[in-house]
């Protein structure tokens, strides 16, 4: 049912590996003060457990991003 979301996350997992996320943190500290802020941008959704209820499909995005190494 949400195949397109999963495919988007698979693509992002290949592009935004841990090194790329670290690079974004270092290169844009004003835009991304925390790792969570980068992950939120990359996944286009909430990543914190406390915020999962604030956005549609947030748990799906969080689970997929964790399964494919976007952390």
N, C-alpha and C. Protein backbone atom coordinates (compact mmCIF):
# COMPACT_ATOMS: atom_id res chain seq x y z
N UNK A 1 0.81 -1.19 0.00
CA UNK A 1 0.00 0.00 0.00
C UNK A 1 0.87 1.27 0.00
N UNK A 2 1.99 1.23 0.67
CA UNK A 2 2.87 2.40 0.76
C UNK A 2 4.20 2.13 0.07
N UNK A 3 4.15 1.39 -1.00
CA UNK A 3 5.36 0.99 -1.72
C UNK A 3 6.20 2.18 -2.17
N UNK A 4 5.55 3.25 -2.61
CA UNK A 4 6.30 4.42 -3.08
C UNK A 4 7.10 5.06 -1.95
N UNK A 5 6.56 5.06 -0.74
CA UNK A 5 7.29 5.60 0.42
C UNK A 5 8.51 4.74 0.73
N UNK A 6 8.32 3.44 0.65
CA UNK A 6 9.43 2.53 0.93
C UNK A 6 10.53 2.69 -0.12
N UNK A 7 10.16 2.79 -1.37
CA UNK A 7 11.16 2.98 -2.43
C UNK A 7 11.92 4.29 -2.25
N UNK A 8 11.23 5.35 -1.86
CA UNK A 8 11.91 6.62 -1.58
C UNK A 8 12.93 6.45 -0.46
N UNK A 9 12.56 5.74 0.57
CA UNK A 9 13.46 5.55 1.70
C UNK A 9 14.66 4.69 1.32
N UNK A 10 14.46 3.71 0.45
CA UNK A 10 15.59 2.89 -0.02
C UNK A 10 16.60 3.75 -0.78
N UNK A 11 16.11 4.64 -1.61
CA UNK A 11 16.99 5.54 -2.34
C UNK A 11 17.75 6.46 -1.38
N UNK A 12 17.04 7.02 -0.42
CA UNK A 12 17.68 7.91 0.55
C UNK A 12 18.70 7.17 1.41
N UNK A 13 18.45 5.91 1.69
CA UNK A 13 19.40 5.12 2.48
C UNK A 13 20.72 4.96 1.74
N UNK A 14 20.66 4.86 0.43
CA UNK A 14 21.89 4.74 -0.36
C UNK A 14 22.63 6.07 -0.44
N UNK A 15 21.88 7.15 -0.51
CA UNK A 15 22.50 8.47 -0.65
C UNK A 15 23.01 8.99 0.69
N UNK A 16 22.19 8.87 1.72
CA UNK A 16 22.50 9.46 3.03
C UNK A 16 23.00 8.42 4.01
N UNK A 17 24.20 7.91 3.75
CA UNK A 17 24.81 6.98 4.70
C UNK A 17 25.33 7.78 5.90
N UNK A 18 25.88 7.10 6.84
CA UNK A 18 26.34 7.74 8.07
C UNK A 18 27.40 8.82 7.80
N UNK A 19 28.28 8.56 6.87
CA UNK A 19 29.32 9.55 6.55
C UNK A 19 28.71 10.81 5.94
N UNK A 20 27.72 10.66 5.09
CA UNK A 20 27.07 11.81 4.48
C UNK A 20 26.31 12.61 5.53
N UNK A 21 25.66 11.93 6.45
CA UNK A 21 24.95 12.61 7.54
C UNK A 21 25.93 13.39 8.39
N UNK A 22 27.07 12.79 8.72
CA UNK A 22 28.11 13.49 9.48
C UNK A 22 28.63 14.71 8.72
N UNK A 23 28.77 14.56 7.41
CA UNK A 23 29.23 15.66 6.58
C UNK A 23 28.24 16.83 6.60
N UNK A 24 26.97 16.54 6.51
CA UNK A 24 25.94 17.59 6.56
C UNK A 24 25.95 18.31 7.91
N UNK A 25 26.14 17.55 8.98
CA UNK A 25 26.23 18.14 10.31
C UNK A 25 27.40 19.11 10.41
N UNK A 26 28.53 18.70 9.87
CA UNK A 26 29.74 19.53 9.95
C UNK A 26 29.66 20.74 9.01
N UNK A 27 29.08 20.53 7.84
CA UNK A 27 29.05 21.58 6.82
C UNK A 27 27.98 22.64 7.07
N UNK A 28 26.88 22.24 7.69
CA UNK A 28 25.75 23.15 7.91
C UNK A 28 25.29 23.16 9.36
N UNK A 29 26.15 23.58 10.28
CA UNK A 29 25.78 23.53 11.70
C UNK A 29 24.61 24.45 12.06
N UNK A 30 24.42 25.52 11.29
CA UNK A 30 23.28 26.41 11.57
C UNK A 30 21.96 25.79 11.14
N UNK A 31 21.99 25.02 10.07
CA UNK A 31 20.77 24.36 9.59
C UNK A 31 20.47 23.09 10.36
N UNK A 32 21.52 22.37 10.73
CA UNK A 32 21.38 21.08 11.40
C UNK A 32 22.17 21.07 12.72
N UNK A 33 21.55 21.57 13.78
CA UNK A 33 22.25 21.61 15.06
C UNK A 33 22.43 20.22 15.70
N UNK A 34 21.60 19.27 15.29
CA UNK A 34 21.68 17.92 15.85
C UNK A 34 21.58 16.88 14.74
N UNK A 35 22.02 15.69 15.05
CA UNK A 35 21.90 14.57 14.11
C UNK A 35 20.42 14.31 13.80
N UNK A 36 19.58 14.44 14.81
CA UNK A 36 18.14 14.23 14.63
C UNK A 36 17.57 15.20 13.60
N UNK A 37 18.07 16.43 13.58
CA UNK A 37 17.57 17.41 12.60
C UNK A 37 17.93 16.99 11.17
N UNK A 38 19.10 16.40 10.99
CA UNK A 38 19.47 15.89 9.66
C UNK A 38 18.57 14.72 9.29
N UNK A 39 18.38 13.82 10.22
CA UNK A 39 17.54 12.65 9.95
C UNK A 39 16.10 13.04 9.63
N UNK A 40 15.62 14.05 10.30
CA UNK A 40 14.27 14.54 10.03
C UNK A 40 14.17 15.07 8.60
N UNK A 41 15.20 15.77 8.14
CA UNK A 41 15.21 16.28 6.78
C UNK A 41 15.32 15.14 5.77
N UNK A 42 16.21 14.21 6.05
CA UNK A 42 16.44 13.10 5.12
C UNK A 42 15.19 12.23 4.98
N UNK A 43 14.56 11.92 6.09
CA UNK A 43 13.39 11.05 6.04
C UNK A 43 12.10 11.79 5.72
N UNK A 44 12.16 13.10 5.77
CA UNK A 44 10.96 13.93 5.55
C UNK A 44 9.86 13.57 6.55
N UNK A 45 10.28 13.20 7.74
CA UNK A 45 9.32 12.80 8.75
C UNK A 45 9.95 12.87 10.13
N UNK A 46 9.15 12.58 11.14
CA UNK A 46 9.62 12.56 12.52
C UNK A 46 10.53 11.36 12.75
N UNK A 47 11.49 11.50 13.63
CA UNK A 47 12.38 10.38 13.94
C UNK A 47 12.37 10.05 15.43
N UNK A 48 11.95 10.98 16.23
CA UNK A 48 11.91 10.77 17.67
C UNK A 48 10.67 9.97 18.06
N UNK A 49 10.84 9.02 18.97
CA UNK A 49 9.71 8.22 19.44
C UNK A 49 8.60 9.10 19.99
N UNK A 50 8.97 10.16 20.67
CA UNK A 50 7.97 11.06 21.27
C UNK A 50 7.15 11.81 20.24
N UNK A 51 7.66 11.95 19.03
CA UNK A 51 6.99 12.75 18.01
C UNK A 51 6.30 11.93 16.93
N UNK A 52 6.32 10.61 17.04
CA UNK A 52 5.77 9.76 15.99
C UNK A 52 4.29 10.02 15.73
N UNK A 53 3.55 10.44 16.74
CA UNK A 53 2.13 10.68 16.57
C UNK A 53 1.81 12.01 15.90
N UNK A 54 2.83 12.80 15.61
CA UNK A 54 2.62 14.14 15.05
C UNK A 54 2.54 14.18 13.53
N UNK A 55 2.83 13.08 12.87
CA UNK A 55 2.86 13.10 11.41
C UNK A 55 2.41 11.75 10.86
N UNK A 56 1.70 11.78 9.76
CA UNK A 56 1.20 10.57 9.12
C UNK A 56 2.38 9.70 8.66
N UNK A 57 2.29 8.43 8.90
CA UNK A 57 3.28 7.42 8.50
C UNK A 57 4.64 7.59 9.18
N UNK A 58 4.71 8.33 10.24
CA UNK A 58 6.00 8.57 10.90
C UNK A 58 6.65 7.29 11.38
N UNK A 59 5.87 6.38 11.95
CA UNK A 59 6.46 5.13 12.44
C UNK A 59 6.98 4.29 11.26
N UNK A 60 6.25 4.26 10.17
CA UNK A 60 6.72 3.54 8.98
C UNK A 60 8.05 4.10 8.51
N UNK A 61 8.14 5.41 8.40
CA UNK A 61 9.39 6.05 7.96
C UNK A 61 10.52 5.77 8.94
N UNK A 62 10.24 5.85 10.21
CA UNK A 62 11.27 5.60 11.22
C UNK A 62 11.77 4.16 11.14
N UNK A 63 10.85 3.21 11.06
CA UNK A 63 11.22 1.80 11.00
C UNK A 63 12.04 1.49 9.75
N UNK A 64 11.60 2.01 8.62
CA UNK A 64 12.32 1.75 7.37
C UNK A 64 13.70 2.40 7.40
N UNK A 65 13.77 3.63 7.87
CA UNK A 65 15.07 4.29 7.91
C UNK A 65 16.03 3.57 8.84
N UNK A 66 15.54 3.05 9.94
CA UNK A 66 16.42 2.28 10.85
C UNK A 66 16.83 0.97 10.22
N UNK A 67 15.89 0.28 9.54
CA UNK A 67 16.20 -0.99 8.90
C UNK A 67 17.26 -0.86 7.81
N UNK A 68 17.27 0.30 7.14
CA UNK A 68 18.21 0.49 6.04
C UNK A 68 19.37 1.40 6.39
N UNK A 69 19.59 1.64 7.67
CA UNK A 69 20.81 2.28 8.11
C UNK A 69 20.85 3.80 8.10
N UNK A 70 19.71 4.45 7.97
CA UNK A 70 19.72 5.91 8.08
C UNK A 70 19.56 6.23 9.56
N UNK A 71 20.66 6.57 10.21
CA UNK A 71 20.62 6.85 11.65
C UNK A 71 21.53 7.99 11.99
